N, C-alpha and C. Protein backbone atom coordinates (compact mmCIF):
# COMPACT_ATOMS: atom_id res chain seq x y z
N MET A 1 0.82 -1.17 0.00
CA MET A 1 0.00 0.00 0.00
C MET A 1 0.87 1.24 0.00
N PRO A 2 0.66 2.16 -0.90
CA PRO A 2 1.45 3.39 -0.92
C PRO A 2 1.21 4.24 0.32
N ALA A 3 2.24 4.93 0.74
CA ALA A 3 2.14 5.80 1.90
C ALA A 3 2.56 7.21 1.52
N LYS A 4 1.86 8.17 2.07
CA LYS A 4 2.24 9.57 1.88
C LYS A 4 2.92 10.03 3.16
N VAL A 5 4.16 10.51 3.00
CA VAL A 5 4.96 10.92 4.15
C VAL A 5 5.35 12.37 3.97
N GLY A 6 5.22 13.14 5.04
CA GLY A 6 5.62 14.54 5.01
C GLY A 6 7.11 14.68 5.25
N ALA A 7 7.51 15.80 5.79
CA ALA A 7 8.93 16.07 6.04
C ALA A 7 9.45 15.14 7.13
N VAL A 8 10.67 14.66 6.93
CA VAL A 8 11.32 13.78 7.89
C VAL A 8 12.68 14.37 8.23
N LYS A 9 12.99 14.43 9.52
CA LYS A 9 14.30 14.92 9.96
C LYS A 9 14.96 13.81 10.77
N VAL A 10 16.08 13.31 10.28
CA VAL A 10 16.82 12.25 10.95
C VAL A 10 18.01 12.89 11.65
N ILE A 11 18.07 12.73 12.96
CA ILE A 11 19.18 13.30 13.73
C ILE A 11 20.35 12.32 13.81
N ASN A 12 20.05 11.06 14.10
CA ASN A 12 21.12 10.08 14.28
C ASN A 12 20.57 8.69 14.01
N ILE A 13 21.37 7.86 13.37
CA ILE A 13 21.03 6.45 13.16
C ILE A 13 22.22 5.63 13.61
N GLY A 14 21.97 4.66 14.47
CA GLY A 14 23.04 3.81 14.99
C GLY A 14 23.56 2.84 13.94
N SER A 15 24.65 2.17 14.27
CA SER A 15 25.30 1.27 13.31
C SER A 15 24.46 0.05 12.98
N SER A 16 23.59 -0.40 13.85
CA SER A 16 22.76 -1.57 13.55
C SER A 16 21.29 -1.18 13.48
N SER A 17 21.01 0.05 13.08
CA SER A 17 19.64 0.55 13.00
C SER A 17 19.09 0.41 11.59
N ILE A 18 17.78 0.52 11.50
CA ILE A 18 17.10 0.53 10.21
C ILE A 18 16.23 1.77 10.12
N PHE A 19 16.34 2.49 9.03
CA PHE A 19 15.48 3.64 8.77
C PHE A 19 14.72 3.35 7.49
N ASN A 20 13.40 3.33 7.58
CA ASN A 20 12.59 3.00 6.42
C ASN A 20 11.41 3.95 6.32
N ILE A 21 11.14 4.39 5.11
CA ILE A 21 9.93 5.16 4.81
C ILE A 21 9.25 4.46 3.64
N GLY A 22 8.01 4.07 3.84
CA GLY A 22 7.27 3.42 2.77
C GLY A 22 7.09 1.94 3.02
N ASP A 23 6.75 1.24 1.96
CA ASP A 23 6.47 -0.19 2.07
C ASP A 23 7.76 -0.99 2.19
N VAL A 24 7.68 -2.05 2.95
CA VAL A 24 8.84 -2.92 3.12
C VAL A 24 8.34 -4.33 3.38
N TYR A 25 9.06 -5.31 2.84
CA TYR A 25 8.67 -6.71 3.06
C TYR A 25 9.24 -7.23 4.37
N ALA A 26 10.54 -7.02 4.58
CA ALA A 26 11.18 -7.51 5.81
C ALA A 26 12.34 -6.59 6.16
N MET A 27 12.52 -6.35 7.44
CA MET A 27 13.66 -5.56 7.91
C MET A 27 14.40 -6.40 8.94
N ALA A 28 15.71 -6.48 8.82
CA ALA A 28 16.48 -7.30 9.75
C ALA A 28 17.86 -6.68 9.96
N PRO A 29 18.05 -5.93 11.05
CA PRO A 29 19.39 -5.41 11.32
C PRO A 29 20.31 -6.54 11.78
N TYR A 30 21.58 -6.40 11.49
CA TYR A 30 22.55 -7.42 11.88
C TYR A 30 23.50 -6.83 12.91
N SER A 31 23.57 -7.46 14.07
CA SER A 31 24.44 -6.97 15.12
C SER A 31 24.70 -8.09 16.12
N THR A 32 25.89 -8.09 16.70
CA THR A 32 26.19 -9.02 17.79
C THR A 32 26.93 -8.25 18.88
N ALA A 33 26.88 -8.77 20.07
CA ALA A 33 27.59 -8.17 21.19
C ALA A 33 27.88 -9.25 22.22
N LYS A 34 28.99 -9.10 22.88
CA LYS A 34 29.34 -10.01 23.96
C LYS A 34 29.66 -9.16 25.19
N THR A 35 29.03 -9.49 26.30
CA THR A 35 29.19 -8.72 27.51
C THR A 35 29.79 -9.58 28.61
N PHE A 36 30.88 -9.12 29.17
CA PHE A 36 31.47 -9.77 30.33
C PHE A 36 31.18 -8.88 31.54
N ALA A 37 30.60 -9.45 32.57
CA ALA A 37 30.30 -8.68 33.76
C ALA A 37 30.41 -9.57 34.99
N GLY A 38 30.89 -9.00 36.05
CA GLY A 38 31.03 -9.75 37.29
C GLY A 38 29.73 -9.85 38.05
N GLY A 39 29.77 -10.56 39.15
CA GLY A 39 28.58 -10.71 39.98
C GLY A 39 28.09 -9.38 40.50
N GLY A 40 26.80 -9.15 40.43
CA GLY A 40 26.21 -7.91 40.91
C GLY A 40 26.29 -6.76 39.94
N SER A 41 26.71 -6.99 38.70
CA SER A 41 26.89 -5.90 37.75
C SER A 41 25.58 -5.29 37.26
N PHE A 42 24.56 -6.09 37.09
CA PHE A 42 23.32 -5.59 36.49
C PHE A 42 22.20 -5.43 37.51
N ASN A 43 22.53 -5.25 38.77
CA ASN A 43 21.51 -5.04 39.79
C ASN A 43 20.98 -3.62 39.70
N THR A 44 19.67 -3.47 39.86
CA THR A 44 19.06 -2.15 39.88
C THR A 44 18.15 -2.05 41.10
N GLY A 45 17.92 -0.83 41.53
CA GLY A 45 17.02 -0.63 42.66
C GLY A 45 17.67 0.23 43.73
N ASP A 46 16.92 0.49 44.77
CA ASP A 46 17.39 1.33 45.86
C ASP A 46 17.86 0.47 47.03
N GLY A 47 18.96 0.83 47.64
CA GLY A 47 19.42 0.16 48.84
C GLY A 47 19.96 -1.24 48.64
N ILE A 48 20.58 -1.52 47.52
CA ILE A 48 21.13 -2.86 47.27
C ILE A 48 22.47 -2.99 47.98
N GLU A 49 22.65 -4.08 48.70
CA GLU A 49 23.92 -4.37 49.36
C GLU A 49 24.46 -5.68 48.81
N ILE A 50 25.69 -5.65 48.30
CA ILE A 50 26.28 -6.82 47.65
C ILE A 50 27.64 -7.09 48.29
N ASP A 51 27.91 -8.35 48.58
CA ASP A 51 29.20 -8.76 49.11
C ASP A 51 29.86 -9.67 48.08
N LEU A 52 30.87 -9.17 47.40
CA LEU A 52 31.56 -9.94 46.34
C LEU A 52 33.00 -10.21 46.72
N SER A 53 33.24 -10.54 47.97
CA SER A 53 34.61 -10.74 48.42
C SER A 53 35.28 -11.94 47.76
N ASN A 54 34.53 -12.94 47.35
CA ASN A 54 35.12 -14.13 46.71
C ASN A 54 34.67 -14.29 45.27
N SER A 55 34.36 -13.21 44.60
CA SER A 55 33.84 -13.27 43.24
C SER A 55 34.94 -12.99 42.23
N SER A 56 34.88 -13.65 41.08
CA SER A 56 35.78 -13.36 39.97
C SER A 56 35.04 -13.59 38.67
N THR A 57 35.44 -12.85 37.64
CA THR A 57 34.85 -12.98 36.31
C THR A 57 35.93 -13.49 35.38
N ASN A 58 35.74 -14.67 34.83
CA ASN A 58 36.71 -15.27 33.91
C ASN A 58 36.29 -14.98 32.48
N VAL A 59 37.16 -14.31 31.74
CA VAL A 59 36.83 -13.90 30.37
C VAL A 59 37.74 -14.54 29.34
N ASN A 60 38.31 -15.67 29.65
CA ASN A 60 39.17 -16.37 28.69
C ASN A 60 38.28 -17.07 27.66
N ASP A 61 38.21 -16.50 26.46
CA ASP A 61 37.36 -17.02 25.39
C ASP A 61 38.26 -17.58 24.29
N MET A 62 38.34 -18.90 24.21
CA MET A 62 39.29 -19.53 23.30
C MET A 62 38.86 -19.51 21.84
N ASP A 63 37.56 -19.55 21.56
CA ASP A 63 37.14 -19.57 20.15
C ASP A 63 37.18 -18.16 19.58
N GLN A 64 37.38 -18.06 18.28
CA GLN A 64 37.51 -16.77 17.62
C GLN A 64 36.15 -16.14 17.31
N VAL A 65 35.19 -16.96 16.92
CA VAL A 65 33.88 -16.45 16.52
C VAL A 65 32.81 -17.24 17.25
N ASP A 66 31.94 -16.56 17.97
CA ASP A 66 30.86 -17.24 18.68
C ASP A 66 29.65 -17.48 17.79
N GLN A 67 29.17 -16.43 17.13
CA GLN A 67 28.03 -16.56 16.23
C GLN A 67 28.28 -15.64 15.04
N PRO A 68 28.74 -16.19 13.93
CA PRO A 68 29.07 -15.35 12.79
C PRO A 68 27.82 -14.74 12.15
N ILE A 69 27.99 -13.55 11.60
CA ILE A 69 26.92 -12.90 10.87
C ILE A 69 27.28 -12.92 9.40
N THR A 70 26.38 -13.43 8.59
CA THR A 70 26.56 -13.39 7.15
C THR A 70 25.40 -12.63 6.55
N VAL A 71 25.70 -11.76 5.60
CA VAL A 71 24.68 -10.94 4.97
C VAL A 71 24.64 -11.29 3.51
N ASP A 72 23.47 -11.64 3.00
CA ASP A 72 23.30 -11.91 1.58
C ASP A 72 22.94 -10.59 0.89
N VAL A 73 23.85 -10.08 0.09
CA VAL A 73 23.60 -8.84 -0.64
C VAL A 73 23.22 -9.21 -2.05
N GLU A 74 22.08 -8.77 -2.45
CA GLU A 74 21.61 -9.10 -3.81
C GLU A 74 21.77 -7.92 -4.72
């Protein structure tokens, strides 16, 4: 279905973002990320008390690629 779009102002688009105006069949951004965090890193809230005296984060990653991204460009 055709769409009528007025003025559009784009301030910023991230590296794995999609900007589309009009009809589209499928949109699929490609991005991967790996996060290493120690115990208690993602806690949220008020008054949190954490004791990490015996905690360690091991980040030894022996493989080169965890989940490869391949893009078919036509």
